[in-house]
Full PDB file with SEQRES, HELIX, SHEET, SSBOND, CRYST1, ORIGX, SCALE, CONECT and MASTER records, all heavy atoms in Angstrom:
SEQRES   1 A   30  LEU SER PRO SER GLU LEU GLU ASP TRP ARG GLU CYS THR          
SEQRES   2 A   30  GLU ALA ALA ILE GLU GLN ARG LEU ALA GLY GLN SER LEU          
SEQRES   3 A   30  HIS ASN GLN GLN                                              
HELIX    1 AA1 PRO A    3  ALA A   22  1                                  20    
CRYST1    1.000    1.000    1.000  90.00  90.00  90.00 P 1           1          
ORIGX1      1.000000  0.000000  0.000000        0.00000                         
ORIGX2      0.000000  1.000000  0.000000        0.00000                         
ORIGX3      0.000000  0.000000  1.000000        0.00000                         
SCALE1      1.000000  0.000000  0.000000        0.00000                         
SCALE2      0.000000  1.000000  0.000000        0.00000                         
SCALE3      0.000000  0.000000  1.000000        0.00000                         
ATOM      1  N   LEU A   1     102.545-114.024  26.005  1.00  0.00           N  
ATOM      2  CA  LEU A   1     102.890-115.393  26.573  1.00  0.00           C  
ATOM      3  C   LEU A   1     102.204-115.486  27.955  1.00  0.00           C  
ATOM      4  O   LEU A   1     102.161-114.498  28.707  1.00  0.00           O  
ATOM      5  CB  LEU A   1     104.394-115.403  26.745  1.00  0.00           C  
ATOM      6  CG  LEU A   1     105.261-115.465  25.527  1.00  0.00           C  
ATOM      7  CD1 LEU A   1     106.830-115.364  25.860  1.00  0.00           C  
ATOM      8  CD2 LEU A   1     105.018-116.588  24.607  1.00  0.00           C  
ATOM      9  N   SER A   2     101.880-116.690  28.294  1.00  0.00           N  
ATOM     10  CA  SER A   2     101.268-116.919  29.643  1.00  0.00           C  
ATOM     11  C   SER A   2     102.318-116.943  30.626  1.00  0.00           C  
ATOM     12  O   SER A   2     103.530-117.041  30.372  1.00  0.00           O  
ATOM     13  CB  SER A   2     100.594-118.348  29.556  1.00  0.00           C  
ATOM     14  OG  SER A   2     101.522-119.343  29.506  1.00  0.00           O  
ATOM     15  N   PRO A   3     102.011-116.829  31.818  1.00  0.00           N  
ATOM     16  CA  PRO A   3     102.984-116.856  32.933  1.00  0.00           C  
ATOM     17  C   PRO A   3     103.856-118.136  32.889  1.00  0.00           C  
ATOM     18  O   PRO A   3     105.054-118.078  33.174  1.00  0.00           O  
ATOM     19  CB  PRO A   3     102.197-116.777  34.271  1.00  0.00           C  
ATOM     20  CG  PRO A   3     100.980-115.977  33.850  1.00  0.00           C  
ATOM     21  CD  PRO A   3     100.701-116.464  32.391  1.00  0.00           C  
ATOM     22  N   SER A   4     103.250-119.253  32.625  1.00  0.00           N  
ATOM     23  CA  SER A   4     104.022-120.496  32.549  1.00  0.00           C  
ATOM     24  C   SER A   4     104.992-120.534  31.352  1.00  0.00           C  
ATOM     25  O   SER A   4     106.117-120.985  31.404  1.00  0.00           O  
ATOM     26  CB  SER A   4     103.088-121.823  32.555  1.00  0.00           C  
ATOM     27  OG  SER A   4     102.298-121.703  31.388  1.00  0.00           O  
ATOM     28  N   GLU A   5     104.503-119.907  30.236  1.00  0.00           N  
ATOM     29  CA  GLU A   5     105.387-119.874  29.108  1.00  0.00           C  
ATOM     30  C   GLU A   5     106.677-118.941  29.362  1.00  0.00           C  
ATOM     31  O   GLU A   5     107.714-119.210  29.040  1.00  0.00           O  
ATOM     32  CB  GLU A   5     104.648-119.422  27.779  1.00  0.00           C  
ATOM     33  CG  GLU A   5     103.624-120.324  27.321  1.00  0.00           C  
ATOM     34  CD  GLU A   5     102.747-119.826  26.289  1.00  0.00           C  
ATOM     35  OE1 GLU A   5     102.309-118.611  26.462  1.00  0.00           O  
ATOM     36  OE2 GLU A   5     102.522-120.524  25.273  1.00  0.00           O  
ATOM     37  N   LEU A   6     106.337-117.785  30.108  1.00  0.00           N  
ATOM     38  CA  LEU A   6     107.397-116.884  30.441  1.00  0.00           C  
ATOM     39  C   LEU A   6     108.348-117.591  31.371  1.00  0.00           C  
ATOM     40  O   LEU A   6     109.671-117.436  31.238  1.00  0.00           O  
ATOM     41  CB  LEU A   6     106.780-115.719  31.160  1.00  0.00           C  
ATOM     42  CG  LEU A   6     106.187-114.642  30.220  1.00  0.00           C  
ATOM     43  CD1 LEU A   6     105.530-113.538  31.103  1.00  0.00           C  
ATOM     44  CD2 LEU A   6     107.210-114.034  29.307  1.00  0.00           C  
ATOM     45  N   GLU A   7     107.839-118.483  32.264  1.00  0.00           N  
ATOM     46  CA  GLU A   7     108.815-119.082  33.217  1.00  0.00           C  
ATOM     47  C   GLU A   7     109.646-120.118  32.417  1.00  0.00           C  
ATOM     48  O   GLU A   7     110.873-120.277  32.761  1.00  0.00           O  
ATOM     49  CB  GLU A   7     108.012-119.807  34.294  1.00  0.00           C  
ATOM     50  CG  GLU A   7     108.822-120.552  35.366  1.00  0.00           C  
ATOM     51  CD  GLU A   7     109.853-119.615  36.031  1.00  0.00           C  
ATOM     52  OE1 GLU A   7     109.540-118.391  36.206  1.00  0.00           O  
ATOM     53  OE2 GLU A   7     110.877-120.038  36.449  1.00  0.00           O  
ATOM     54  N   ASP A   8     109.027-120.815  31.481  1.00  0.00           N  
ATOM     55  CA  ASP A   8     109.906-121.726  30.627  1.00  0.00           C  
ATOM     56  C   ASP A   8     110.995-121.020  29.955  1.00  0.00           C  
ATOM     57  O   ASP A   8     112.058-121.516  29.922  1.00  0.00           O  
ATOM     58  CB  ASP A   8     108.992-122.474  29.635  1.00  0.00           C  
ATOM     59  CG  ASP A   8     108.017-123.536  30.195  1.00  0.00           C  
ATOM     60  OD1 ASP A   8     108.202-123.830  31.378  1.00  0.00           O  
ATOM     61  OD2 ASP A   8     107.044-123.835  29.659  1.00  0.00           O  
ATOM     62  N   TRP A   9     110.646-119.963  29.300  1.00  0.00           N  
ATOM     63  CA  TRP A   9     111.612-119.103  28.624  1.00  0.00           C  
ATOM     64  C   TRP A   9     112.747-118.617  29.580  1.00  0.00           C  
ATOM     65  O   TRP A   9     113.962-118.650  29.213  1.00  0.00           O  
ATOM     66  CB  TRP A   9     111.000-117.848  27.854  1.00  0.00           C  
ATOM     67  CG  TRP A   9     110.447-118.230  26.578  1.00  0.00           C  
ATOM     68  CD1 TRP A   9     109.084-118.396  26.383  1.00  0.00           C  
ATOM     69  CD2 TRP A   9     111.124-118.405  25.354  1.00  0.00           C  
ATOM     70  NE1 TRP A   9     108.882-118.798  24.947  1.00  0.00           N  
ATOM     71  CE2 TRP A   9     110.169-118.716  24.405  1.00  0.00           C  
ATOM     72  CE3 TRP A   9     112.512-118.380  25.036  1.00  0.00           C  
ATOM     73  CZ2 TRP A   9     110.527-119.056  22.956  1.00  0.00           C  
ATOM     74  CZ3 TRP A   9     112.766-118.588  23.642  1.00  0.00           C  
ATOM     75  CH2 TRP A   9     111.818-118.918  22.684  1.00  0.00           C  
ATOM     76  N   ARG A  10     112.358-118.206  30.772  1.00  0.00           N  
ATOM     77  CA  ARG A  10     113.267-117.754  31.702  1.00  0.00           C  
ATOM     78  C   ARG A  10     114.214-118.797  32.115  1.00  0.00           C  
ATOM     79  O   ARG A  10     115.460-118.620  32.221  1.00  0.00           O  
ATOM     80  CB  ARG A  10     112.582-117.155  32.939  1.00  0.00           C  
ATOM     81  CG  ARG A  10     113.392-116.371  33.995  1.00  0.00           C  
ATOM     82  CD  ARG A  10     112.556-115.828  35.099  1.00  0.00           C  
ATOM     83  NE  ARG A  10     111.660-114.791  34.645  1.00  0.00           N  
ATOM     84  CZ  ARG A  10     110.350-114.847  34.467  1.00  0.00           C  
ATOM     85  NH1 ARG A  10     109.714-115.931  34.903  1.00  0.00           N  
ATOM     86  NH2 ARG A  10     109.608-113.887  34.083  1.00  0.00           N  
ATOM     87  N   GLU A  11     113.781-120.021  32.464  1.00  0.00           N  
ATOM     88  CA  GLU A  11     114.596-121.123  32.867  1.00  0.00           C  
ATOM     89  C   GLU A  11     115.531-121.509  31.704  1.00  0.00           C  
ATOM     90  O   GLU A  11     116.722-121.772  31.969  1.00  0.00           O  
ATOM     91  CB  GLU A  11     113.668-122.279  33.238  1.00  0.00           C  
ATOM     92  CG  GLU A  11     112.984-122.075  34.602  1.00  0.00           C  
ATOM     93  CD  GLU A  11     112.010-123.227  34.846  1.00  0.00           C  
ATOM     94  OE1 GLU A  11     112.047-124.186  34.177  1.00  0.00           O  
ATOM     95  OE2 GLU A  11     111.202-123.043  35.858  1.00  0.00           O  
ATOM     96  N   CYS A  12     115.028-121.672  30.452  1.00  0.00           N  
ATOM     97  CA  CYS A  12     115.876-121.940  29.390  1.00  0.00           C  
ATOM     98  C   CYS A  12     116.934-120.917  29.089  1.00  0.00           C  
ATOM     99  O   CYS A  12     118.029-121.264  28.903  1.00  0.00           O  
ATOM    100  CB  CYS A  12     114.943-122.072  28.127  1.00  0.00           C  
ATOM    101  SG  CYS A  12     115.852-122.624  26.637  1.00  0.00           S  
ATOM    102  N   THR A  13     116.585-119.627  29.230  1.00  0.00           N  
ATOM    103  CA  THR A  13     117.631-118.622  28.962  1.00  0.00           C  
ATOM    104  C   THR A  13     118.653-118.716  30.191  1.00  0.00           C  
ATOM    105  O   THR A  13     119.921-118.479  29.848  1.00  0.00           O  
ATOM    106  CB  THR A  13     116.943-117.273  28.944  1.00  0.00           C  
ATOM    107  OG1 THR A  13     116.042-117.308  27.928  1.00  0.00           O  
ATOM    108  CG2 THR A  13     117.929-116.136  28.735  1.00  0.00           C  
ATOM    109  N   GLU A  14     118.241-118.744  31.377  1.00  0.00           N  
ATOM    110  CA  GLU A  14     119.262-118.866  32.371  1.00  0.00           C  
ATOM    111  C   GLU A  14     120.195-120.116  32.281  1.00  0.00           C  
ATOM    112  O   GLU A  14     121.402-119.978  32.475  1.00  0.00           O  
ATOM    113  CB  GLU A  14     118.589-118.931  33.807  1.00  0.00           C  
ATOM    114  CG  GLU A  14     117.908-117.643  34.125  1.00  0.00           C  
ATOM    115  CD  GLU A  14     117.133-117.637  35.399  1.00  0.00           C  
ATOM    116  OE1 GLU A  14     116.985-118.790  36.046  1.00  0.00           O  
ATOM    117  OE2 GLU A  14     116.555-116.638  35.813  1.00  0.00           O  
ATOM    118  N   ALA A  15     119.707-121.142  31.833  1.00  0.00           N  
ATOM    119  CA  ALA A  15     120.562-122.365  31.687  1.00  0.00           C  
ATOM    120  C   ALA A  15     121.537-122.176  30.564  1.00  0.00           C  
ATOM    121  O   ALA A  15     122.650-122.565  30.657  1.00  0.00           O  
ATOM    122  CB  ALA A  15     119.679-123.569  31.353  1.00  0.00           C  
ATOM    123  N   ALA A  16     121.006-121.509  29.429  1.00  0.00           N  
ATOM    124  CA  ALA A  16     121.872-121.312  28.238  1.00  0.00           C  
ATOM    125  C   ALA A  16     123.027-120.255  28.708  1.00  0.00           C  
ATOM    126  O   ALA A  16     124.158-120.484  28.250  1.00  0.00           O  
ATOM    127  CB  ALA A  16     121.116-120.716  27.103  1.00  0.00           C  
ATOM    128  N   ILE A  17     122.664-119.321  29.513  1.00  0.00           N  
ATOM    129  CA  ILE A  17     123.755-118.348  29.957  1.00  0.00           C  
ATOM    130  C   ILE A  17     124.694-119.055  30.759  1.00  0.00           C  
ATOM    131  O   ILE A  17     126.004-118.761  30.604  1.00  0.00           O  
ATOM    132  CB  ILE A  17     123.101-117.122  30.654  1.00  0.00           C  
ATOM    133  CG1 ILE A  17     122.299-116.357  29.638  1.00  0.00           C  
ATOM    134  CG2 ILE A  17     124.077-116.291  31.342  1.00  0.00           C  
ATOM    135  CD1 ILE A  17     121.388-115.249  30.221  1.00  0.00           C  
ATOM    136  N   GLU A  18     124.314-119.896  31.711  1.00  0.00           N  
ATOM    137  CA  GLU A  18     125.232-120.626  32.545  1.00  0.00           C  
ATOM    138  C   GLU A  18     126.193-121.409  31.718  1.00  0.00           C  
ATOM    139  O   GLU A  18     127.471-121.513  31.915  1.00  0.00           O  
ATOM    140  CB  GLU A  18     124.482-121.427  33.566  1.00  0.00           C  
ATOM    141  CG  GLU A  18     123.933-120.608  34.685  1.00  0.00           C  
ATOM    142  CD  GLU A  18     123.135-121.529  35.623  1.00  0.00           C  
ATOM    143  OE1 GLU A  18     123.411-122.833  35.717  1.00  0.00           O  
ATOM    144  OE2 GLU A  18     122.243-121.034  36.328  1.00  0.00           O  
ATOM    145  N   GLN A  19     125.642-122.135  30.650  1.00  0.00           N  
ATOM    146  CA  GLN A  19     126.406-122.904  29.825  1.00  0.00           C  
ATOM    147  C   GLN A  19     127.402-122.139  28.987  1.00  0.00           C  
ATOM    148  O   GLN A  19     128.583-122.502  28.808  1.00  0.00           O  
ATOM    149  CB  GLN A  19     125.596-123.820  28.938  1.00  0.00           C  
ATOM    150  CG  GLN A  19     124.871-124.910  29.739  1.00  0.00           C  
ATOM    151  CD  GLN A  19     123.878-125.750  28.815  1.00  0.00           C  
ATOM    152  OE1 GLN A  19     123.811-125.480  27.663  1.00  0.00           O  
ATOM    153  NE2 GLN A  19     123.138-126.640  29.433  1.00  0.00           N  
ATOM    154  N   ARG A  20     126.945-120.892  28.528  1.00  0.00           N  
ATOM    155  CA  ARG A  20     127.742-120.212  27.636  1.00  0.00           C  
ATOM    156  C   ARG A  20     128.918-119.530  28.525  1.00  0.00           C  
ATOM    157  O   ARG A  20     130.042-119.554  28.050  1.00  0.00           O  
ATOM    158  CB  ARG A  20     126.915-119.010  27.088  1.00  0.00           C  
ATOM    159  CG  ARG A  20     127.675-118.183  26.069  1.00  0.00           C  
ATOM    160  CD  ARG A  20     128.332-118.918  24.908  1.00  0.00           C  
ATOM    161  NE  ARG A  20     127.482-119.854  24.372  1.00  0.00           N  
ATOM    162  CZ  ARG A  20     126.871-119.903  23.252  1.00  0.00           C  
ATOM    163  NH1 ARG A  20     127.016-118.848  22.488  1.00  0.00           N  
ATOM    164  NH2 ARG A  20     126.099-120.855  22.801  1.00  0.00           N  
ATOM    165  N   LEU A  21     128.699-119.157  29.768  1.00  0.00           N  
ATOM    166  CA  LEU A  21     129.712-118.570  30.536  1.00  0.00           C  
ATOM    167  C   LEU A  21     130.807-119.655  30.976  1.00  0.00           C  
ATOM    168  O   LEU A  21     131.831-119.230  31.294  1.00  0.00           O  
ATOM    169  CB  LEU A  21     129.122-117.858  31.811  1.00  0.00           C  
ATOM    170  CG  LEU A  21     128.346-116.658  31.518  1.00  0.00           C  
ATOM    171  CD1 LEU A  21     127.732-116.120  32.841  1.00  0.00           C  
ATOM    172  CD2 LEU A  21     129.267-115.587  30.828  1.00  0.00           C  
ATOM    173  N   ALA A  22     130.348-120.845  31.053  1.00  0.00           N  
ATOM    174  CA  ALA A  22     131.297-121.937  31.265  1.00  0.00           C  
ATOM    175  C   ALA A  22     132.331-122.116  30.289  1.00  0.00           C  
ATOM    176  O   ALA A  22     133.496-122.617  30.462  1.00  0.00           O  
ATOM    177  CB  ALA A  22     130.556-123.249  31.576  1.00  0.00           C  
ATOM    178  N   GLY A  23     132.017-121.673  29.057  1.00  0.00           N  
ATOM    179  CA  GLY A  23     132.991-121.770  27.857  1.00  0.00           C  
ATOM    180  C   GLY A  23     133.829-120.571  27.848  1.00  0.00           C  
ATOM    181  O   GLY A  23     133.841-119.687  28.678  1.00  0.00           O  
ATOM    182  N   GLN A  24     134.632-120.442  26.793  1.00  0.00           N  
ATOM    183  CA  GLN A  24     135.700-119.514  26.669  1.00  0.00           C  
ATOM    184  C   GLN A  24     135.398-118.380  25.653  1.00  0.00           C  
ATOM    185  O   GLN A  24     136.174-117.513  25.372  1.00  0.00           O  
ATOM    186  CB  GLN A  24     137.082-120.095  26.381  1.00  0.00           C  
ATOM    187  CG  GLN A  24     137.527-121.002  27.518  1.00  0.00           C  
ATOM    188  CD  GLN A  24     137.757-120.382  28.797  1.00  0.00           C  
ATOM    189  OE1 GLN A  24     138.282-119.194  28.877  1.00  0.00           O  
ATOM    190  NE2 GLN A  24     137.222-120.865  29.787  1.00  0.00           N  
ATOM    191  N   SER A  25     134.216-118.477  24.989  1.00  0.00           N  
ATOM    192  CA  SER A  25     133.947-117.583  23.903  1.00  0.00           C  
ATOM    193  C   SER A  25     132.401-117.250  23.849  1.00  0.00           C  
ATOM    194  O   SER A  25     131.634-117.823  24.568  1.00  0.00           O  
ATOM    195  CB  SER A  25     134.333-118.230  22.511  1.00  0.00           C  
ATOM    196  OG  SER A  25     133.559-119.342  22.304  1.00  0.00           O  
ATOM    197  N   LEU A  26     132.122-116.327  22.975  1.00  0.00           N  
ATOM    198  CA  LEU A  26     130.720-115.907  22.686  1.00  0.00           C  
ATOM    199  C   LEU A  26     130.143-115.208  23.900  1.00  0.00           C  
ATOM    200  O   LEU A  26     128.923-115.251  24.133  1.00  0.00           O  
ATOM    201  CB  LEU A  26     129.901-116.981  22.182  1.00  0.00           C  
ATOM    202  CG  LEU A  26     130.288-117.603  20.856  1.00  0.00           C  
ATOM    203  CD1 LEU A  26     129.405-118.776  20.354  1.00  0.00           C  
ATOM    204  CD2 LEU A  26     130.238-116.424  19.736  1.00  0.00           C  
ATOM    205  N   HIS A  27     130.834-114.498  24.801  1.00  0.00           N  
ATOM    206  CA  HIS A  27     130.410-113.738  25.799  1.00  0.00           C  
ATOM    207  C   HIS A  27     131.349-112.589  26.099  1.00  0.00           C  
ATOM    208  O   HIS A  27     132.541-112.660  25.606  1.00  0.00           O  
ATOM    209  CB  HIS A  27     130.023-114.513  27.128  1.00  0.00           C  
ATOM    210  CG  HIS A  27     131.195-115.212  27.750  1.00  0.00           C  
ATOM    211  ND1 HIS A  27     132.145-114.552  28.434  1.00  0.00           N  
ATOM    212  CD2 HIS A  27     131.515-116.597  27.625  1.00  0.00           C  
ATOM    213  CE1 HIS A  27     133.069-115.517  28.826  1.00  0.00           C  
ATOM    214  NE2 HIS A  27     132.723-116.686  28.253  1.00  0.00           N  
ATOM    215  N   ASN A  28     131.005-111.566  26.822  1.00  0.00           N  
ATOM    216  CA  ASN A  28     131.916-110.498  27.128  1.00  0.00           C  
ATOM    217  C   ASN A  28     132.538-110.506  28.532  1.00  0.00           C  
ATOM    218  O   ASN A  28     132.887-109.426  29.017  1.00  0.00           O  
ATOM    219  CB  ASN A  28     131.159-109.173  26.938  1.00  0.00           C  
ATOM    220  CG  ASN A  28     130.082-108.906  28.044  1.00  0.00           C  
ATOM    221  OD1 ASN A  28     129.573-109.882  28.580  1.00  0.00           O  
ATOM    222  ND2 ASN A  28     129.817-107.608  28.305  1.00  0.00           N  
ATOM    223  N   GLN A  29     132.629-111.691  29.058  1.00  0.00           N  
ATOM    224  CA  GLN A  29     133.149-111.788  30.457  1.00  0.00           C  
ATOM    225  C   GLN A  29     134.488-112.332  30.535  1.00  0.00           C  
ATOM    226  O   GLN A  29     134.974-112.775  31.607  1.00  0.00           O  
ATOM    227  CB  GLN A  29     132.180-112.680  31.273  1.00  0.00           C  
ATOM    228  CG  GLN A  29     130.837-112.086  31.349  1.00  0.00           C  
ATOM    229  CD  GLN A  29     130.673-110.758  32.039  1.00  0.00           C  
ATOM    230  OE1 GLN A  29     131.159-110.648  33.264  1.00  0.00           O  
ATOM    231  NE2 GLN A  29     130.265-109.678  31.337  1.00  0.00           N  
ATOM    232  N   GLN A  30     135.296-112.299  29.375  1.00  0.00           N  
ATOM    233  CA  GLN A  30     136.711-112.741  29.454  1.00  0.00           C  
ATOM    234  C   GLN A  30     137.483-112.019  30.596  1.00  0.00           C  
ATOM    235  O   GLN A  30     138.339-112.596  31.238  1.00  0.00           O  
ATOM    236  CB  GLN A  30     137.410-112.727  28.083  1.00  0.00           C  
ATOM    237  CG  GLN A  30     136.958-113.665  27.198  1.00  0.00           C  
ATOM    238  CD  GLN A  30     135.616-113.287  26.383  1.00  0.00           C  
ATOM    239  OE1 GLN A  30     135.165-112.186  26.548  1.00  0.00           O  
ATOM    240  NE2 GLN A  30     135.238-114.196  25.531  1.00  0.00           N  
TER     241      GLN A  30                                                      
MASTER        0    0    0    1    0    0    0    6  240    1    0    3          
END                                                                             
């Protein structure tokens, strides 16, 4: 992956994690 592709994946993953943690399931942080 190019550096810009890696940055796109990083941003997408971080946003998905933030959204997932805002919910009540599908993570280990209860």
